[in-house]
Amino acid sequence: MRNSIPTAAVSEFVNEVASSPEEALMGYGIEINWESGTRSRTETKSMKVGPHQVSRSFTWKADEPRQLMGNNHGPNPQELLLSGLGSCMMVSFIAGATAEGIQLESVKIDFDATLDLRGFMGLGTNATVGFPEIRYKIYVTGDATPEQFAELHRKSVSHSPNAQTILNPVGLTGEIISTQIQG
């Protein structure tokens, strides 16, 4: 056991995926329902881990602060995006440290990003709609050298699915299924 992760389980899972590639395929889903104003409620769907169905039963709310026409009942979508990115990078960092035999005492990732709402509002400026840059710092204490931590950081970003989804173009395919209100 290292960093509260069973080291044998990491090795076993890597070997299982190497011999049965279908074990590497993960399927995710969420359903988001509008509640009121800018507030929505998200619920996880079952997850596929390889050929296995895993029950997931988590819900959370998103909302905007009052200054952005919300009621401040939860984190906003950008905070959730940063949280998903940071949490995935954290998992990648911790798992990588465990695989490398690095014992960690503490890890904190601090994120900042600036959004220009003129792009969202379509005000005809050159403002981008999304974050043009996401900045972060990783504060880590453990038994590795600064060089080992730097390499672990590089690997954690290159192996983080969420970091790679943000860094590389990804297709976004959707459709609308509408019902017209009668009367």
N, C-alpha and C. Protein backbone atom coordinates (compact mmCIF):
# COMPACT_ATOMS: atom_id res chain seq x y z
N MET A 1 0.85 -1.17 0.00
CA MET A 1 0.00 0.00 0.00
C MET A 1 0.90 1.23 0.00
N ARG A 2 0.65 2.13 -0.95
CA ARG A 2 1.39 3.40 -1.01
C ARG A 2 0.39 4.48 -1.40
N ASN A 3 0.40 5.59 -0.67
CA ASN A 3 -0.50 6.71 -0.93
C ASN A 3 -1.97 6.28 -0.88
N SER A 4 -2.27 5.31 -0.01
CA SER A 4 -3.61 4.74 0.17
C SER A 4 -4.12 4.04 -1.08
N ILE A 5 -3.23 3.62 -1.95
CA ILE A 5 -3.57 2.83 -3.15
C ILE A 5 -2.82 1.52 -3.06
N PRO A 6 -3.52 0.39 -3.18
CA PRO A 6 -2.81 -0.90 -3.15
C PRO A 6 -1.91 -1.04 -4.38
N THR A 7 -0.61 -1.06 -4.16
CA THR A 7 0.34 -1.12 -5.28
C THR A 7 0.16 -2.38 -6.11
N ALA A 8 -0.18 -3.49 -5.48
CA ALA A 8 -0.40 -4.73 -6.23
C ALA A 8 -1.60 -4.58 -7.15
N ALA A 9 -2.63 -3.85 -6.72
CA ALA A 9 -3.83 -3.66 -7.55
C ALA A 9 -3.49 -2.85 -8.79
N VAL A 10 -2.61 -1.85 -8.67
CA VAL A 10 -2.20 -1.06 -9.83
C VAL A 10 -1.53 -1.96 -10.85
N SER A 11 -0.59 -2.77 -10.39
CA SER A 11 0.13 -3.69 -11.27
C SER A 11 -0.82 -4.70 -11.90
N GLU A 12 -1.73 -5.25 -11.11
CA GLU A 12 -2.69 -6.22 -11.63
C GLU A 12 -3.58 -5.61 -12.69
N PHE A 13 -4.05 -4.38 -12.45
CA PHE A 13 -4.93 -3.74 -13.42
C PHE A 13 -4.20 -3.45 -14.73
N VAL A 14 -2.96 -2.99 -14.64
CA VAL A 14 -2.16 -2.73 -15.84
C VAL A 14 -1.98 -4.03 -16.63
N ASN A 15 -1.68 -5.13 -15.94
CA ASN A 15 -1.51 -6.42 -16.62
C ASN A 15 -2.83 -6.90 -17.23
N GLU A 16 -3.94 -6.69 -16.52
CA GLU A 16 -5.26 -7.10 -17.03
C GLU A 16 -5.61 -6.34 -18.31
N VAL A 17 -5.36 -5.04 -18.32
CA VAL A 17 -5.65 -4.22 -19.51
C VAL A 17 -4.71 -4.61 -20.65
N ALA A 18 -3.46 -4.88 -20.34
CA ALA A 18 -2.51 -5.28 -21.39
C ALA A 18 -2.93 -6.58 -22.06
N SER A 19 -3.48 -7.52 -21.30
CA SER A 19 -3.87 -8.80 -21.88
C SER A 19 -5.31 -8.80 -22.42
N SER A 20 -6.16 -7.89 -21.93
CA SER A 20 -7.56 -7.81 -22.39
C SER A 20 -7.90 -6.34 -22.63
N PRO A 21 -7.61 -5.83 -23.81
CA PRO A 21 -7.82 -4.40 -24.09
C PRO A 21 -9.24 -3.90 -23.81
N GLU A 22 -10.24 -4.76 -23.89
CA GLU A 22 -11.62 -4.33 -23.62
C GLU A 22 -11.79 -3.85 -22.18
N GLU A 23 -10.90 -4.29 -21.28
CA GLU A 23 -10.95 -3.86 -19.88
C GLU A 23 -10.60 -2.36 -19.74
N ALA A 24 -9.97 -1.78 -20.76
CA ALA A 24 -9.54 -0.39 -20.70
C ALA A 24 -10.64 0.59 -21.10
N LEU A 25 -11.72 0.09 -21.66
CA LEU A 25 -12.76 0.99 -22.17
C LEU A 25 -13.74 1.38 -21.07
N MET A 26 -13.79 2.68 -20.79
CA MET A 26 -14.66 3.22 -19.75
C MET A 26 -15.81 3.97 -20.42
N GLY A 27 -17.00 3.82 -19.90
CA GLY A 27 -18.16 4.54 -20.42
C GLY A 27 -18.77 5.40 -19.33
N TYR A 28 -18.96 6.68 -19.62
CA TYR A 28 -19.46 7.63 -18.63
C TYR A 28 -20.74 8.27 -19.13
N GLY A 29 -21.54 8.73 -18.22
CA GLY A 29 -22.72 9.49 -18.60
C GLY A 29 -23.28 10.26 -17.42
N ILE A 30 -23.90 11.37 -17.74
CA ILE A 30 -24.60 12.17 -16.75
C ILE A 30 -25.89 12.65 -17.38
N GLU A 31 -26.83 13.03 -16.57
CA GLU A 31 -28.06 13.66 -17.03
C GLU A 31 -28.21 14.96 -16.27
N ILE A 32 -28.47 16.04 -16.99
CA ILE A 32 -28.60 17.35 -16.37
C ILE A 32 -30.02 17.85 -16.60
N ASN A 33 -30.69 18.25 -15.52
CA ASN A 33 -32.04 18.79 -15.60
C ASN A 33 -32.05 20.21 -15.09
N TRP A 34 -32.70 21.08 -15.85
CA TRP A 34 -32.86 22.47 -15.46
C TRP A 34 -33.83 22.55 -14.30
N GLU A 35 -33.49 23.32 -13.28
CA GLU A 35 -34.38 23.51 -12.14
C GLU A 35 -35.07 24.86 -12.21
N SER A 36 -34.28 25.93 -12.30
CA SER A 36 -34.84 27.28 -12.31
C SER A 36 -33.72 28.27 -12.57
N GLY A 37 -34.04 29.34 -13.28
CA GLY A 37 -33.02 30.36 -13.53
C GLY A 37 -31.78 29.76 -14.14
N THR A 38 -30.63 29.93 -13.49
CA THR A 38 -29.38 29.36 -14.00
C THR A 38 -29.00 28.08 -13.26
N ARG A 39 -29.90 27.55 -12.43
CA ARG A 39 -29.60 26.36 -11.62
C ARG A 39 -30.02 25.09 -12.34
N SER A 40 -29.12 24.10 -12.28
CA SER A 40 -29.40 22.78 -12.83
C SER A 40 -28.95 21.71 -11.84
N ARG A 41 -29.50 20.51 -12.03
CA ARG A 41 -29.17 19.37 -11.17
C ARG A 41 -28.61 18.27 -12.06
N THR A 42 -27.45 17.77 -11.70
CA THR A 42 -26.77 16.73 -12.48
C THR A 42 -26.80 15.43 -11.70
N GLU A 43 -27.04 14.35 -12.42
CA GLU A 43 -27.05 13.01 -11.81
C GLU A 43 -26.22 12.08 -12.68
N THR A 44 -25.40 11.27 -12.02
CA THR A 44 -24.58 10.31 -12.77
C THR A 44 -25.44 9.16 -13.27
N LYS A 45 -25.03 8.61 -14.41
CA LYS A 45 -25.61 7.37 -14.94
C LYS A 45 -24.68 6.23 -14.51
N SER A 46 -25.09 5.02 -14.75
CA SER A 46 -24.20 3.88 -14.50
C SER A 46 -22.94 4.05 -15.35
N MET A 47 -21.85 3.55 -14.85
CA MET A 47 -20.57 3.65 -15.54
C MET A 47 -20.17 2.26 -16.03
N LYS A 48 -19.53 2.23 -17.19
CA LYS A 48 -18.98 0.97 -17.68
C LYS A 48 -17.49 0.97 -17.41
N VAL A 49 -17.03 -0.06 -16.73
CA VAL A 49 -15.61 -0.26 -16.48
C VAL A 49 -15.26 -1.56 -17.20
N GLY A 50 -14.68 -1.40 -18.39
CA GLY A 50 -14.50 -2.58 -19.24
C GLY A 50 -15.88 -3.14 -19.55
N PRO A 51 -16.07 -4.44 -19.41
CA PRO A 51 -17.38 -5.02 -19.69
C PRO A 51 -18.33 -4.96 -18.48
N HIS A 52 -17.90 -4.38 -17.38
CA HIS A 52 -18.68 -4.38 -16.15
C HIS A 52 -19.50 -3.11 -15.99
N GLN A 53 -20.73 -3.25 -15.54
CA GLN A 53 -21.60 -2.12 -15.24
C GLN A 53 -21.42 -1.77 -13.77
N VAL A 54 -21.15 -0.50 -13.47
CA VAL A 54 -20.92 -0.05 -12.11
C VAL A 54 -21.99 0.97 -11.75
N SER A 55 -22.72 0.70 -10.71
CA SER A 55 -23.76 1.61 -10.27
C SER A 55 -23.13 2.88 -9.72
N ARG A 56 -23.63 4.02 -10.16
CA ARG A 56 -23.15 5.32 -9.69
C ARG A 56 -24.39 6.12 -9.32
N SER A 57 -24.40 6.69 -8.15
CA SER A 57 -25.58 7.42 -7.70
C SER A 57 -25.14 8.71 -7.00
N PHE A 58 -24.74 9.68 -7.82
CA PHE A 58 -24.28 10.95 -7.28
C PHE A 58 -25.03 12.08 -7.96
N THR A 59 -25.35 13.09 -7.19
CA THR A 59 -26.01 14.27 -7.74
C THR A 59 -25.31 15.52 -7.23
N TRP A 60 -25.39 16.57 -8.02
CA TRP A 60 -24.88 17.87 -7.61
C TRP A 60 -25.60 18.95 -8.39
N LYS A 61 -25.50 20.16 -7.88
CA LYS A 61 -26.16 21.29 -8.52
C LYS A 61 -25.11 22.26 -9.04
N ALA A 62 -25.48 22.95 -10.09
CA ALA A 62 -24.67 24.04 -10.62
C ALA A 62 -25.54 25.28 -10.66
N ASP A 63 -24.95 26.41 -10.41
CA ASP A 63 -25.68 27.67 -10.44
C ASP A 63 -24.65 28.78 -10.64
N GLU A 64 -25.13 29.92 -10.98
CA GLU A 64 -24.28 31.11 -11.11
C GLU A 64 -24.47 31.98 -9.87
N PRO A 65 -23.51 32.84 -9.59
CA PRO A 65 -23.71 33.79 -8.49
C PRO A 65 -24.77 34.82 -8.88
N ARG A 66 -25.27 35.53 -7.92
CA ARG A 66 -26.32 36.53 -8.17
C ARG A 66 -25.89 37.57 -9.22
N GLN A 67 -24.61 37.90 -9.24
CA GLN A 67 -24.10 38.88 -10.20
C GLN A 67 -24.24 38.40 -11.64
N LEU A 68 -24.41 37.08 -11.82
CA LEU A 68 -24.58 36.51 -13.16
C LEU A 68 -25.97 35.89 -13.31
N MET A 69 -26.96 36.49 -12.65
CA MET A 69 -28.38 36.13 -12.75
C MET A 69 -28.74 34.81 -12.09
N GLY A 70 -27.90 34.30 -11.23
CA GLY A 70 -28.19 33.05 -10.53
C GLY A 70 -28.59 33.31 -9.09
N ASN A 71 -28.64 32.24 -8.33
CA ASN A 71 -28.97 32.32 -6.90
C ASN A 71 -27.86 31.78 -6.02
N ASN A 72 -26.70 31.47 -6.62
CA ASN A 72 -25.53 31.04 -5.86
C ASN A 72 -25.78 29.76 -5.05
N HIS A 73 -26.50 28.80 -5.64
CA HIS A 73 -26.83 27.55 -4.96
C HIS A 73 -25.83 26.43 -5.22
N GLY A 74 -24.77 26.71 -5.94
CA GLY A 74 -23.76 25.68 -6.22
C GLY A 74 -22.65 26.27 -7.06
N PRO A 75 -21.61 25.49 -7.29
CA PRO A 75 -20.53 25.96 -8.16
C PRO A 75 -21.07 26.22 -9.56
N ASN A 76 -20.42 27.13 -10.28
CA ASN A 76 -20.89 27.37 -11.65
C ASN A 76 -20.20 26.40 -12.61
N PRO A 77 -20.64 26.35 -13.87
CA PRO A 77 -20.07 25.38 -14.81
C PRO A 77 -18.56 25.49 -14.98
N GLN A 78 -18.02 26.71 -14.93
CA GLN A 78 -16.57 26.86 -15.09
C GLN A 78 -15.82 26.29 -13.88
N GLU A 79 -16.36 26.49 -12.69
CA GLU A 79 -15.74 25.91 -11.50
C GLU A 79 -15.81 24.39 -11.55
N LEU A 80 -16.91 23.85 -12.06
CA LEU A 80 -17.02 22.40 -12.21
C LEU A 80 -16.03 21.87 -13.25
N LEU A 81 -15.85 22.62 -14.34
CA LEU A 81 -14.86 22.22 -15.35
C LEU A 81 -13.47 22.18 -14.75
N LEU A 82 -13.09 23.25 -14.02
CA LEU A 82 -11.77 23.28 -13.38
C LEU A 82 -11.64 22.15 -12.35
N SER A 83 -12.72 21.88 -11.63
CA SER A 83 -12.71 20.80 -10.64
C SER A 83 -12.49 19.45 -11.32
N GLY A 84 -13.18 19.22 -12.42
CA GLY A 84 -13.01 17.95 -13.14
C GLY A 84 -11.61 17.80 -13.68
N LEU A 85 -11.07 18.88 -14.23
CA LEU A 85 -9.69 18.87 -14.73
C LEU A 85 -8.72 18.59 -13.58
N GLY A 86 -8.85 19.36 -12.50
CA GLY A 86 -7.93 19.22 -11.38
C GLY A 86 -8.02 17.88 -10.69
N SER A 87 -9.24 17.37 -10.51
CA SER A 87 -9.42 16.07 -9.87
C SER A 87 -8.80 14.95 -10.71
N CYS A 88 -8.96 15.03 -12.02
CA CYS A 88 -8.38 14.02 -12.91
C CYS A 88 -6.86 14.10 -12.87
N MET A 89 -6.31 15.31 -12.90
CA MET A 89 -4.86 15.46 -12.81
C MET A 89 -4.35 14.95 -11.47
N MET A 90 -5.13 15.16 -10.40
CA MET A 90 -4.74 14.67 -9.08
C MET A 90 -4.67 13.14 -9.08
N VAL A 91 -5.69 12.49 -9.63
CA VAL A 91 -5.69 11.02 -9.70
C VAL A 91 -4.47 10.55 -10.49
N SER A 92 -4.21 11.17 -11.61
CA SER A 92 -3.07 10.79 -12.44
C SER A 92 -1.75 10.99 -11.69
N PHE A 93 -1.64 12.09 -10.95
CA PHE A 93 -0.43 12.38 -10.18
C PHE A 93 -0.23 11.35 -9.07
N ILE A 94 -1.30 11.06 -8.32
CA ILE A 94 -1.21 10.12 -7.20
C ILE A 94 -0.93 8.70 -7.70
N ALA A 95 -1.66 8.29 -8.75
CA ALA A 95 -1.43 6.95 -9.30
C ALA A 95 -0.02 6.83 -9.86
N GLY A 96 0.44 7.89 -10.53
CA GLY A 96 1.81 7.88 -11.07
C GLY A 96 2.85 7.79 -9.97
N ALA A 97 2.64 8.55 -8.90
CA ALA A 97 3.57 8.49 -7.76
C ALA A 97 3.60 7.09 -7.17
N THR A 98 2.42 6.49 -7.03
CA THR A 98 2.34 5.14 -6.47
C THR A 98 3.08 4.15 -7.36
N ALA A 99 2.87 4.24 -8.67
CA ALA A 99 3.54 3.33 -9.60
C ALA A 99 5.05 3.53 -9.58
N GLU A 100 5.51 4.75 -9.34
CA GLU A 100 6.95 5.06 -9.31
C GLU A 100 7.57 4.79 -7.95
N GLY A 101 6.76 4.39 -6.95
CA GLY A 101 7.29 4.12 -5.62
C GLY A 101 7.54 5.39 -4.81
N ILE A 102 6.89 6.49 -5.18
CA ILE A 102 7.05 7.75 -4.47
C ILE A 102 5.99 7.84 -3.38
N GLN A 103 6.43 8.07 -2.15
CA GLN A 103 5.50 8.24 -1.03
C GLN A 103 5.16 9.72 -0.91
N LEU A 104 3.88 10.03 -0.92
CA LEU A 104 3.42 11.41 -0.82
C LEU A 104 2.90 11.69 0.58
N GLU A 105 3.14 12.89 1.04
CA GLU A 105 2.58 13.33 2.33
C GLU A 105 1.41 14.26 2.09
N SER A 106 1.54 15.16 1.10
CA SER A 106 0.45 16.08 0.77
C SER A 106 0.57 16.51 -0.68
N VAL A 107 -0.59 16.76 -1.30
CA VAL A 107 -0.64 17.29 -2.66
C VAL A 107 -1.82 18.26 -2.73
N LYS A 108 -1.58 19.43 -3.26
CA LYS A 108 -2.63 20.42 -3.47
C LYS A 108 -2.41 21.02 -4.85
N ILE A 109 -3.47 21.14 -5.63
CA ILE A 109 -3.38 21.81 -6.92
C ILE A 109 -4.27 23.05 -6.85
N ASP A 110 -3.70 24.19 -7.16
CA ASP A 110 -4.38 25.48 -7.07
C ASP A 110 -4.59 25.99 -8.50
N PHE A 111 -5.86 26.15 -8.91
CA PHE A 111 -6.20 26.56 -10.28
C PHE A 111 -6.72 27.99 -10.32
N ASP A 112 -6.42 28.69 -11.40
CA ASP A 112 -6.98 30.01 -11.69
C ASP A 112 -7.19 30.11 -13.19
N ALA A 113 -8.25 30.81 -13.58
CA ALA A 113 -8.52 31.06 -15.00
C ALA A 113 -9.38 32.31 -15.09
N THR A 114 -9.27 33.02 -16.19
CA THR A 114 -10.03 34.24 -16.42
C THR A 114 -10.88 34.07 -17.66
N LEU A 115 -12.14 34.45 -17.54
CA LEU A 115 -13.11 34.33 -18.64
C LEU A 115 -13.59 35.73 -19.00
N ASP A 116 -13.67 36.02 -20.27
CA ASP A 116 -14.20 37.30 -20.76
C ASP A 116 -15.61 37.04 -21.28
N LEU A 117 -16.62 37.49 -20.55
CA LEU A 117 -18.01 37.21 -20.91
C LEU A 117 -18.48 37.91 -22.18
N ARG A 118 -17.67 38.83 -22.72
CA ARG A 118 -18.08 39.46 -23.99
C ARG A 118 -18.19 38.43 -25.10
N GLY A 119 -17.34 37.38 -25.08
CA GLY A 119 -17.43 36.32 -26.07
C GLY A 119 -18.73 35.55 -25.91
N PHE A 120 -19.08 35.18 -24.69
CA PHE A 120 -20.33 34.47 -24.39
C PHE A 120 -21.54 35.30 -24.81
N MET A 121 -21.48 36.61 -24.61
CA MET A 121 -22.60 37.50 -24.93
C MET A 121 -22.65 37.89 -26.40
N GLY A 122 -21.68 37.46 -27.18
CA GLY A 122 -21.68 37.76 -28.61
C GLY A 122 -21.55 39.25 -28.91
N LEU A 123 -20.73 39.94 -28.16
CA LEU A 123 -20.62 41.38 -28.32
C LEU A 123 -19.65 41.80 -29.41
N GLY A 124 -19.28 40.88 -30.30
CA GLY A 124 -18.51 41.24 -31.48
C GLY A 124 -17.06 41.62 -31.22
N THR A 125 -16.55 41.31 -30.06
CA THR A 125 -15.14 41.59 -29.80
C THR A 125 -14.31 40.39 -30.22
N ASN A 126 -13.05 40.50 -30.02
CA ASN A 126 -12.16 39.37 -30.29
C ASN A 126 -12.04 38.44 -29.10
N ALA A 127 -12.89 38.63 -28.09
CA ALA A 127 -12.84 37.80 -26.88
C ALA A 127 -13.24 36.37 -27.23
N THR A 128 -12.48 35.42 -26.71
CA THR A 128 -12.83 34.02 -26.89
C THR A 128 -14.00 33.68 -25.97
N VAL A 129 -14.72 32.63 -26.30
CA VAL A 129 -15.84 32.21 -25.47
C VAL A 129 -15.34 31.41 -24.27
N GLY A 130 -14.33 30.61 -24.44
CA GLY A 130 -13.80 29.78 -23.35
C GLY A 130 -12.61 30.42 -22.67
N PHE A 131 -12.04 29.66 -21.75
CA PHE A 131 -10.82 30.13 -21.09
C PHE A 131 -9.69 30.16 -22.11
N PRO A 132 -9.01 31.27 -22.28
CA PRO A 132 -7.85 31.27 -23.17
C PRO A 132 -6.64 30.59 -22.53
N GLU A 133 -6.66 30.51 -21.19
CA GLU A 133 -5.54 29.90 -20.47
C GLU A 133 -6.05 29.44 -19.10
N ILE A 134 -5.55 28.30 -18.66
CA ILE A 134 -5.80 27.81 -17.30
C ILE A 134 -4.45 27.70 -16.62
N ARG A 135 -4.32 28.35 -15.48
CA ARG A 135 -3.06 28.35 -14.75
C ARG A 135 -3.21 27.51 -13.48
N TYR A 136 -2.17 26.80 -13.13
CA TYR A 136 -2.21 26.00 -11.89
C TYR A 136 -0.83 25.85 -11.30
N LYS A 137 -0.83 25.57 -10.00
CA LYS A 137 0.41 25.25 -9.27
C LYS A 137 0.13 23.99 -8.47
N ILE A 138 1.10 23.10 -8.46
CA ILE A 138 1.00 21.87 -7.67
C ILE A 138 1.95 22.02 -6.49
N TYR A 139 1.39 21.93 -5.29
CA TYR A 139 2.18 21.95 -4.06
C TYR A 139 2.26 20.51 -3.58
N VAL A 140 3.47 19.98 -3.47
CA VAL A 140 3.62 18.57 -3.13
C VAL A 140 4.73 18.38 -2.10
N THR A 141 4.46 17.48 -1.17
CA THR A 141 5.45 17.06 -0.19
C THR A 141 5.54 15.55 -0.26
N GLY A 142 6.75 15.03 -0.41
CA GLY A 142 6.94 13.59 -0.49
C GLY A 142 8.42 13.26 -0.56
N ASP A 143 8.72 11.97 -0.77
CA ASP A 143 10.11 11.52 -0.71
C ASP A 143 10.82 11.52 -2.07
N ALA A 144 10.34 12.32 -3.03
CA ALA A 144 10.99 12.39 -4.34
C ALA A 144 11.83 13.66 -4.44
N THR A 145 12.74 13.66 -5.39
CA THR A 145 13.55 14.85 -5.67
C THR A 145 12.72 15.82 -6.51
N PRO A 146 13.13 17.09 -6.59
CA PRO A 146 12.42 18.03 -7.46
C PRO A 146 12.36 17.54 -8.92
N GLU A 147 13.42 16.90 -9.37
CA GLU A 147 13.44 16.37 -10.74
C GLU A 147 12.41 15.25 -10.91
N GLN A 148 12.30 14.37 -9.92
CA GLN A 148 11.31 13.29 -9.98
C GLN A 148 9.89 13.86 -9.96
N PHE A 149 9.66 14.89 -9.13
CA PHE A 149 8.34 15.52 -9.10
C PHE A 149 8.03 16.19 -10.44
N ALA A 150 9.02 16.81 -11.06
CA ALA A 150 8.81 17.46 -12.36
C ALA A 150 8.43 16.41 -13.41
N GLU A 151 9.11 15.27 -13.41
CA GLU A 151 8.78 14.20 -14.36
C GLU A 151 7.41 13.61 -14.06
N LEU A 152 7.08 13.45 -12.79
CA LEU A 152 5.76 12.97 -12.39
C LEU A 152 4.68 13.93 -12.86
N HIS A 153 4.93 15.23 -12.76
CA HIS A 153 4.00 16.24 -13.23
C HIS A 153 3.80 16.11 -14.74
N ARG A 154 4.89 16.01 -15.48
CA ARG A 154 4.80 15.87 -16.94
C ARG A 154 3.97 14.65 -17.31
N LYS A 155 4.25 13.52 -16.66
CA LYS A 155 3.50 12.30 -16.94
C LYS A 155 2.04 12.42 -16.52
N SER A 156 1.79 13.08 -15.40
CA SER A 156 0.40 13.17 -14.93
C SER A 156 -0.45 13.98 -15.90
N VAL A 157 0.11 15.02 -16.50
CA VAL A 157 -0.64 15.79 -17.50
C VAL A 157 -0.82 14.97 -18.77
N SER A 158 0.23 14.29 -19.22
CA SER A 158 0.12 13.53 -20.46
C SER A 158 -0.75 12.28 -20.31
N HIS A 159 -0.99 11.81 -19.09
CA HIS A 159 -1.82 10.63 -18.87
C HIS A 159 -3.20 10.96 -18.29
N SER A 160 -3.47 12.23 -18.04
CA SER A 160 -4.77 12.64 -17.50
C SER A 160 -5.79 12.76 -18.63
N PRO A 161 -6.83 11.93 -18.64
CA PRO A 161 -7.85 12.05 -19.70
C PRO A 161 -8.47 13.44 -19.79
N ASN A 162 -8.74 14.08 -18.66
CA ASN A 162 -9.36 15.40 -18.71
C ASN A 162 -8.38 16.46 -19.21
N ALA A 163 -7.12 16.39 -18.79
CA ALA A 163 -6.13 17.34 -19.31
C ALA A 163 -5.98 17.17 -20.81
N GLN A 164 -5.91 15.94 -21.28
CA GLN A 164 -5.75 15.70 -22.71
C GLN A 164 -7.00 16.08 -23.50
N THR A 165 -8.17 15.94 -22.89
CA THR A 165 -9.41 16.36 -23.55
C THR A 165 -9.41 17.87 -23.74
N ILE A 166 -8.90 18.61 -22.77
CA ILE A 166 -8.83 20.07 -22.89
C ILE A 166 -7.72 20.49 -23.85
N LEU A 167 -6.59 19.81 -23.81
CA LEU A 167 -5.44 20.19 -24.63
C LEU A 167 -5.59 19.83 -26.11
N ASN A 168 -6.39 18.83 -26.41
CA ASN A 168 -6.52 18.35 -27.79
C ASN A 168 -7.94 18.52 -28.28
N PRO A 169 -8.10 18.80 -29.57
CA PRO A 169 -9.46 18.94 -30.11
C PRO A 169 -10.28 17.66 -29.87
N VAL A 170 -11.54 17.86 -29.54
CA VAL A 170 -12.43 16.74 -29.30
C VAL A 170 -13.74 17.01 -30.03
N GLY A 171 -14.32 15.98 -30.60
CA GLY A 171 -15.60 16.15 -31.28
C GLY A 171 -16.72 16.36 -30.27
N LEU A 172 -17.67 17.17 -30.63
CA LEU A 172 -18.85 17.41 -29.81
C LEU A 172 -20.05 17.24 -30.71
N THR A 173 -20.78 16.15 -30.50
CA THR A 173 -21.90 15.81 -31.36
C THR A 173 -23.18 15.84 -30.55
N GLY A 174 -24.17 16.56 -30.99
CA GLY A 174 -25.42 16.64 -30.26
C GLY A 174 -26.61 16.69 -31.19
N GLU A 175 -27.75 16.48 -30.61
CA GLU A 175 -29.00 16.61 -31.35
C GLU A 175 -30.05 17.15 -30.41
N ILE A 176 -31.08 17.75 -30.96
CA ILE A 176 -32.15 18.28 -30.13
C ILE A 176 -33.42 17.48 -30.40
N ILE A 177 -34.06 17.09 -29.34
CA ILE A 177 -35.32 16.35 -29.42
C ILE A 177 -36.35 17.25 -28.74
N SER A 178 -37.23 17.84 -29.53
CA SER A 178 -38.09 18.87 -28.99
C SER A 178 -39.56 18.40 -28.92
N THR A 179 -40.24 19.02 -28.00
CA THR A 179 -41.68 18.84 -27.85
C THR A 179 -42.28 20.22 -27.73
N GLN A 180 -43.24 20.51 -28.57
CA GLN A 180 -43.86 21.83 -28.53
C GLN A 180 -45.00 21.83 -27.52
N ILE A 181 -45.05 22.89 -26.73
CA ILE A 181 -46.12 23.05 -25.75
C ILE A 181 -47.41 23.36 -26.49
N GLN A 182 -48.46 22.66 -26.16
CA GLN A 182 -49.76 22.87 -26.80
C GLN A 182 -50.55 23.92 -26.03
N GLY A 183 -51.24 24.77 -26.78
CA GLY A 183 -52.19 25.69 -26.14
C GLY A 183 -51.68 27.03 -26.05
